[in-house]
Amino acid sequence: MRQGRDDGYPEFAAARAGHLYRSACLLTGGDTHLAEDLVQETLGRVYLKWGRISGADNPAGYVQTVLTRTFLAHRRRHSSRRERATDVLPEVPGAADGDASLRLTLFQALGQLPAKDRAVVVLRYWEDRSVEETAAAMNTSSAAVRTRCVRALARLRALLGDALGEYARP
């Protein structure tokens, strides 16, 4: 019996959708509508090649790479259109762990980073990927990832300034 595209795909997509959405929100700097679009496009691309992807060693990592590349391609296509409806994040319900203020501060700072810097920070520190995995996802060299990480973290520190001091716990 030939394996079809639907064999295991609905379950996989349902299991990964939440994680993909959270990553997409971080990549887009809080643009939830764009994040939804990116997840939709990513899952559509994965569906078309599910027969091959399902046999891979790490389908979840592959799909995360597709999401990152979809985001970067979107940023390249729309780089001339920098218009945004607002630069203020909407109010969101507080996190269960009580760190809502810290999360919003970090989220706003991430949103101010250039797309590739944001992608490298999300992949390396949110997704906890290695330099090599990040390089593969971004289609660049390991040295470029290391350099971009250092510069992106320096930009984040400059953007946050003393804002993180109020969140420091003794």
C-alpha atoms as a PDB file:
ATOM      1  CA  MET A   1       0.000   0.000   0.000  1.00  0.00           C
ATOM      2  CA  ARG A   2       1.357   3.395  -1.012  1.00  0.00           C
ATOM      3  CA  GLN A   3       1.757   5.990   1.727  1.00  0.00           C
ATOM      4  CA  GLY A   4      -0.368   9.057   1.015  1.00  0.00           C
ATOM      5  CA  ARG A   5       0.106  12.624   2.113  1.00  0.00           C
ATOM      6  CA  ASP A   6      -2.514  12.226   4.823  1.00  0.00           C
ATOM      7  CA  ASP A   7      -0.738   9.381   6.618  1.00  0.00           C
ATOM      8  CA  GLY A   8       0.183  10.965   9.921  1.00  0.00           C
ATOM      9  CA  TYR A   9       0.128  14.531   8.628  1.00  0.00           C
ATOM     10  CA  PRO A  10      -3.018  15.731  10.467  1.00  0.00           C
ATOM     11  CA  GLU A  11      -1.681  14.469  13.784  1.00  0.00           C
ATOM     12  CA  PHE A  12       1.768  15.937  13.155  1.00  0.00           C
ATOM     13  CA  ALA A  13       0.345  19.317  12.113  1.00  0.00           C
ATOM     14  CA  ALA A  14      -1.970  19.441  15.139  1.00  0.00           C
ATOM     15  CA  ALA A  15       0.882  18.578  17.495  1.00  0.00           C
ATOM     16  CA  ARG A  16       3.335  21.147  16.035  1.00  0.00           C
ATOM     17  CA  ALA A  17       0.979  24.046  15.226  1.00  0.00           C
ATOM     18  CA  GLY A  18       1.145  25.664  18.669  1.00  0.00           C
ATOM     19  CA  HIS A  19       4.927  25.533  18.801  1.00  0.00           C
ATOM     20  CA  LEU A  20       5.214  26.872  15.253  1.00  0.00           C
ATOM     21  CA  TYR A  21       2.838  29.715  16.094  1.00  0.00           C
ATOM     22  CA  ARG A  22       4.838  30.731  19.172  1.00  0.00           C
ATOM     23  CA  SER A  23       8.053  30.709  17.153  1.00  0.00           C
ATOM     24  CA  ALA A  24       6.398  32.668  14.347  1.00  0.00           C
ATOM     25  CA  CYS A  25       5.160  35.283  16.836  1.00  0.00           C
ATOM     26  CA  LEU A  26       8.713  35.752  18.061  1.00  0.00           C
ATOM     27  CA  LEU A  27      10.076  35.942  14.528  1.00  0.00           C
ATOM     28  CA  THR A  28       7.505  38.537  13.479  1.00  0.00           C
ATOM     29  CA  GLY A  29       7.992  40.674  16.556  1.00  0.00           C
ATOM     30  CA  GLY A  30       4.462  40.191  17.808  1.00  0.00           C
ATOM     31  CA  ASP A  31       2.549  40.456  14.543  1.00  0.00           C
ATOM     32  CA  THR A  32       0.075  37.676  15.290  1.00  0.00           C
ATOM     33  CA  HIS A  33      -1.666  37.938  11.942  1.00  0.00           C
ATOM     34  CA  LEU A  34       1.577  37.528  10.025  1.00  0.00           C
ATOM     35  CA  ALA A  35       2.556  34.710  12.392  1.00  0.00           C
ATOM     36  CA  GLU A  36      -0.676  32.878  11.542  1.00  0.00           C
ATOM     37  CA  ASP A  37      -0.013  33.392   7.831  1.00  0.00           C
ATOM     38  CA  LEU A  38       3.532  32.057   8.154  1.00  0.00           C
ATOM     39  CA  VAL A  39       2.369  28.959  10.028  1.00  0.00           C
ATOM     40  CA  GLN A  40      -0.344  28.372   7.438  1.00  0.00           C
ATOM     41  CA  GLU A  41       2.124  28.707   4.571  1.00  0.00           C
ATOM     42  CA  THR A  42       4.654  26.477   6.348  1.00  0.00           C
ATOM     43  CA  LEU A  43       2.110  23.738   6.994  1.00  0.00           C
ATOM     44  CA  GLY A  44       0.942  23.997   3.373  1.00  0.00           C
ATOM     45  CA  ARG A  45       4.473  23.542   2.080  1.00  0.00           C
ATOM     46  CA  VAL A  46       5.044  20.615   4.429  1.00  0.00           C
ATOM     47  CA  TYR A  47       1.795  18.964   3.318  1.00  0.00           C
ATOM     48  CA  LEU A  48       2.924  19.020  -0.295  1.00  0.00           C
ATOM     49  CA  LYS A  49       6.092  17.084   0.578  1.00  0.00           C
ATOM     50  CA  TRP A  50       4.809  15.101   3.554  1.00  0.00           C
ATOM     51  CA  GLY A  51       5.661  11.727   2.017  1.00  0.00           C
ATOM     52  CA  ARG A  52       9.357  12.657   1.990  1.00  0.00           C
ATOM     53  CA  ILE A  53       9.378  14.697   5.199  1.00  0.00           C
ATOM     54  CA  SER A  54       7.638  12.058   7.301  1.00  0.00           C
ATOM     55  CA  GLY A  55      10.518   9.670   6.636  1.00  0.00           C
ATOM     56  CA  ALA A  56      13.163  12.172   7.782  1.00  0.00           C
ATOM     57  CA  ASP A  57      15.080  11.725  11.030  1.00  0.00           C
ATOM     58  CA  ASN A  58      13.655  14.920  12.538  1.00  0.00           C
ATOM     59  CA  PRO A  59      10.453  16.111  10.833  1.00  0.00           C
ATOM     60  CA  ALA A  60       9.853  18.724  13.570  1.00  0.00           C
ATOM     61  CA  GLY A  61      13.271  20.301  12.971  1.00  0.00           C
ATOM     62  CA  TYR A  62      12.663  20.250   9.232  1.00  0.00           C
ATOM     63  CA  VAL A  63       9.339  22.048   9.670  1.00  0.00           C
ATOM     64  CA  GLN A  64      10.961  24.636  11.950  1.00  0.00           C
ATOM     65  CA  THR A  65      13.525  25.263   9.226  1.00  0.00           C
ATOM     66  CA  VAL A  66      10.724  25.712   6.679  1.00  0.00           C
ATOM     67  CA  LEU A  67       9.086  28.258   9.009  1.00  0.00           C
ATOM     68  CA  THR A  68      12.316  30.229   9.403  1.00  0.00           C
ATOM     69  CA  ARG A  69      13.003  30.276   5.678  1.00  0.00           C
ATOM     70  CA  THR A  70       9.395  31.251   4.963  1.00  0.00           C
ATOM     71  CA  PHE A  71       9.757  34.167   7.378  1.00  0.00           C
ATOM     72  CA  LEU A  72      13.054  35.317   5.864  1.00  0.00           C
ATOM     73  CA  ALA A  73      11.641  35.050   2.318  1.00  0.00           C
ATOM     74  CA  HIS A  74       8.620  37.085   3.381  1.00  0.00           C
ATOM     75  CA  ARG A  75      10.878  39.771   4.841  1.00  0.00           C
ATOM     76  CA  ARG A  76      12.906  39.917   1.617  1.00  0.00           C
ATOM     77  CA  ARG A  77       9.775  40.227  -0.513  1.00  0.00           C
ATOM     78  CA  HIS A  78       8.291  42.916   1.674  1.00  0.00           C
ATOM     79  CA  SER A  79      11.439  44.760   2.719  1.00  0.00           C
ATOM     80  CA  SER A  80      10.436  47.863   0.776  1.00  0.00           C
ATOM     81  CA  ARG A  81       7.112  47.994   2.622  1.00  0.00           C
ATOM     82  CA  ARG A  82       7.974  49.031   6.149  1.00  0.00           C
ATOM     83  CA  GLU A  83       4.509  50.312   6.971  1.00  0.00           C
ATOM     84  CA  ARG A  84       3.029  48.940  10.164  1.00  0.00           C
ATOM     85  CA  ALA A  85      -0.307  49.773  11.665  1.00  0.00           C
ATOM     86  CA  THR A  86       1.227  50.408  15.085  1.00  0.00           C
ATOM     87  CA  ASP A  87       4.416  49.828  16.975  1.00  0.00           C
ATOM     88  CA  VAL A  88       2.610  49.268  20.275  1.00  0.00           C
ATOM     89  CA  LEU A  89       1.727  45.732  21.205  1.00  0.00           C
ATOM     90  CA  PRO A  90      -1.892  45.074  22.140  1.00  0.00           C
ATOM     91  CA  GLU A  91      -2.681  44.167  25.686  1.00  0.00           C
ATOM     92  CA  VAL A  92      -2.477  40.449  26.263  1.00  0.00           C
ATOM     93  CA  PRO A  93      -3.525  38.353  29.236  1.00  0.00           C
ATOM     94  CA  GLY A  94      -0.809  37.865  31.849  1.00  0.00           C
ATOM     95  CA  ALA A  95       1.330  34.749  31.837  1.00  0.00           C
ATOM     96  CA  ALA A  96       0.731  32.154  34.520  1.00  0.00           C
ATOM     97  CA  ASP A  97       4.289  32.504  35.779  1.00  0.00           C
ATOM     98  CA  GLY A  98       3.927  36.223  36.565  1.00  0.00           C
ATOM     99  CA  ASP A  99       6.640  37.421  34.174  1.00  0.00           C
ATOM    100  CA  ALA A 100       4.284  39.217  31.792  1.00  0.00           C
ATOM    101  CA  SER A 101       6.101  42.560  32.044  1.00  0.00           C
ATOM    102  CA  LEU A 102       9.444  40.936  31.303  1.00  0.00           C
ATOM    103  CA  ARG A 103       7.998  39.003  28.381  1.00  0.00           C
ATOM    104  CA  LEU A 104       6.457  42.131  26.859  1.00  0.00           C
ATOM    105  CA  THR A 105       9.684  44.078  27.280  1.00  0.00           C
ATOM    106  CA  LEU A 106      11.688  41.325  25.595  1.00  0.00           C
ATOM    107  CA  PHE A 107       9.017  40.907  22.925  1.00  0.00           C
ATOM    108  CA  GLN A 108       9.128  44.621  22.066  1.00  0.00           C
ATOM    109  CA  ALA A 109      12.925  44.591  21.936  1.00  0.00           C
ATOM    110  CA  LEU A 110      12.886  41.535  19.648  1.00  0.00           C
ATOM    111  CA  GLY A 111      10.458  43.363  17.381  1.00  0.00           C
ATOM    112  CA  GLN A 112      12.982  46.161  16.893  1.00  0.00           C
ATOM    113  CA  LEU A 113      15.737  43.848  15.653  1.00  0.00           C
ATOM    114  CA  PRO A 114      16.272  43.318  11.915  1.00  0.00           C
ATOM    115  CA  ALA A 115      14.682  40.128  10.572  1.00  0.00           C
ATOM    116  CA  LYS A 116      17.866  38.043  10.353  1.00  0.00           C
ATOM    117  CA  ASP A 117      19.010  39.101  13.821  1.00  0.00           C
ATOM    118  CA  ARG A 118      15.606  38.225  15.226  1.00  0.00           C
ATOM    119  CA  ALA A 119      15.704  34.851  13.457  1.00  0.00           C
ATOM    120  CA  VAL A 120      19.134  33.989  14.837  1.00  0.00           C
ATOM    121  CA  VAL A 121      18.137  34.947  18.400  1.00  0.00           C
ATOM    122  CA  VAL A 122      14.909  32.944  18.210  1.00  0.00           C
ATOM    123  CA  LEU A 123      16.608  29.885  16.734  1.00  0.00           C
ATOM    124  CA  ARG A 124      19.642  29.908  19.031  1.00  0.00           C
ATOM    125  CA  TYR A 125      18.065  30.942  22.313  1.00  0.00           C
ATOM    126  CA  TRP A 126      14.329  30.246  22.073  1.00  0.00           C
ATOM    127  CA  GLU A 127      14.537  27.070  20.012  1.00  0.00           C
ATOM    128  CA  ASP A 128      17.869  26.131  21.674  1.00  0.00           C
ATOM    129  CA  ARG A 129      19.409  25.082  18.386  1.00  0.00           C
ATOM    130  CA  SER A 130      23.118  24.628  17.818  1.00  0.00           C
ATOM    131  CA  VAL A 131      25.118  27.024  15.666  1.00  0.00           C
ATOM    132  CA  GLU A 132      25.207  24.439  12.882  1.00  0.00           C
ATOM    133  CA  GLU A 133      21.441  23.820  13.010  1.00  0.00           C
ATOM    134  CA  THR A 134      20.787  27.554  12.968  1.00  0.00           C
ATOM    135  CA  ALA A 135      23.151  27.982  10.015  1.00  0.00           C
ATOM    136  CA  ALA A 136      21.349  25.240   8.103  1.00  0.00           C
ATOM    137  CA  ALA A 137      17.930  26.764   8.873  1.00  0.00           C
ATOM    138  CA  MET A 138      19.061  30.201   7.740  1.00  0.00           C
ATOM    139  CA  ASN A 139      21.025  28.873   4.777  1.00  0.00           C
ATOM    140  CA  THR A 140      24.252  30.539   5.890  1.00  0.00           C
ATOM    141  CA  SER A 141      27.606  29.609   7.420  1.00  0.00           C
ATOM    142  CA  SER A 142      28.280  28.807  11.066  1.00  0.00           C
ATOM    143  CA  ALA A 143      30.674  31.741  11.279  1.00  0.00           C
ATOM    144  CA  ALA A 144      27.946  34.084  10.028  1.00  0.00           C
ATOM    145  CA  VAL A 145      25.571  32.744  12.683  1.00  0.00           C
ATOM    146  CA  ARG A 146      28.119  33.270  15.463  1.00  0.00           C
ATOM    147  CA  THR A 147      28.839  36.815  14.276  1.00  0.00           C
ATOM    148  CA  ARG A 148      25.152  37.625  13.907  1.00  0.00           C
ATOM    149  CA  CYS A 149      24.455  36.217  17.407  1.00  0.00           C
ATOM    150  CA  VAL A 150      27.059  38.466  19.000  1.00  0.00           C
ATOM    151  CA  ARG A 151      25.787  41.535  17.157  1.00  0.00           C
ATOM    152  CA  ALA A 152      22.108  40.719  17.762  1.00  0.00           C
ATOM    153  CA  LEU A 153      22.656  40.237  21.494  1.00  0.00           C
ATOM    154  CA  ALA A 154      24.600  43.521  21.640  1.00  0.00           C
ATOM    155  CA  ARG A 155      21.680  45.262  19.897  1.00  0.00           C
ATOM    156  CA  LEU A 156      19.223  43.683  22.344  1.00  0.00           C
ATOM    157  CA  ARG A 157      21.306  44.844  25.304  1.00  0.00           C
ATOM    158  CA  ALA A 158      21.443  48.360  23.835  1.00  0.00           C
ATOM    159  CA  LEU A 159      17.682  48.372  23.225  1.00  0.00           C
ATOM    160  CA  LEU A 160      16.876  47.073  26.684  1.00  0.00           C
ATOM    161  CA  GLY A 161      19.435  49.218  28.496  1.00  0.00           C
ATOM    162  CA  ASP A 162      18.548  49.323  32.166  1.00  0.00           C
ATOM    163  CA  ALA A 163      15.036  47.982  31.546  1.00  0.00           C
ATOM    164  CA  LEU A 164      16.031  44.467  32.584  1.00  0.00           C
ATOM    165  CA  GLY A 165      17.464  45.696  35.895  1.00  0.00           C
ATOM    166  CA  GLU A 166      13.980  46.111  37.340  1.00  0.00           C
ATOM    167  CA  TYR A 167      13.286  42.416  36.625  1.00  0.00           C
ATOM    168  CA  ALA A 168      16.465  41.083  38.243  1.00  0.00           C
ATOM    169  CA  ARG A 169      15.739  38.741  41.095  1.00  0.00           C
ATOM    170  CA  PRO A 170      18.005  38.594  44.147  1.00  0.00           C
END
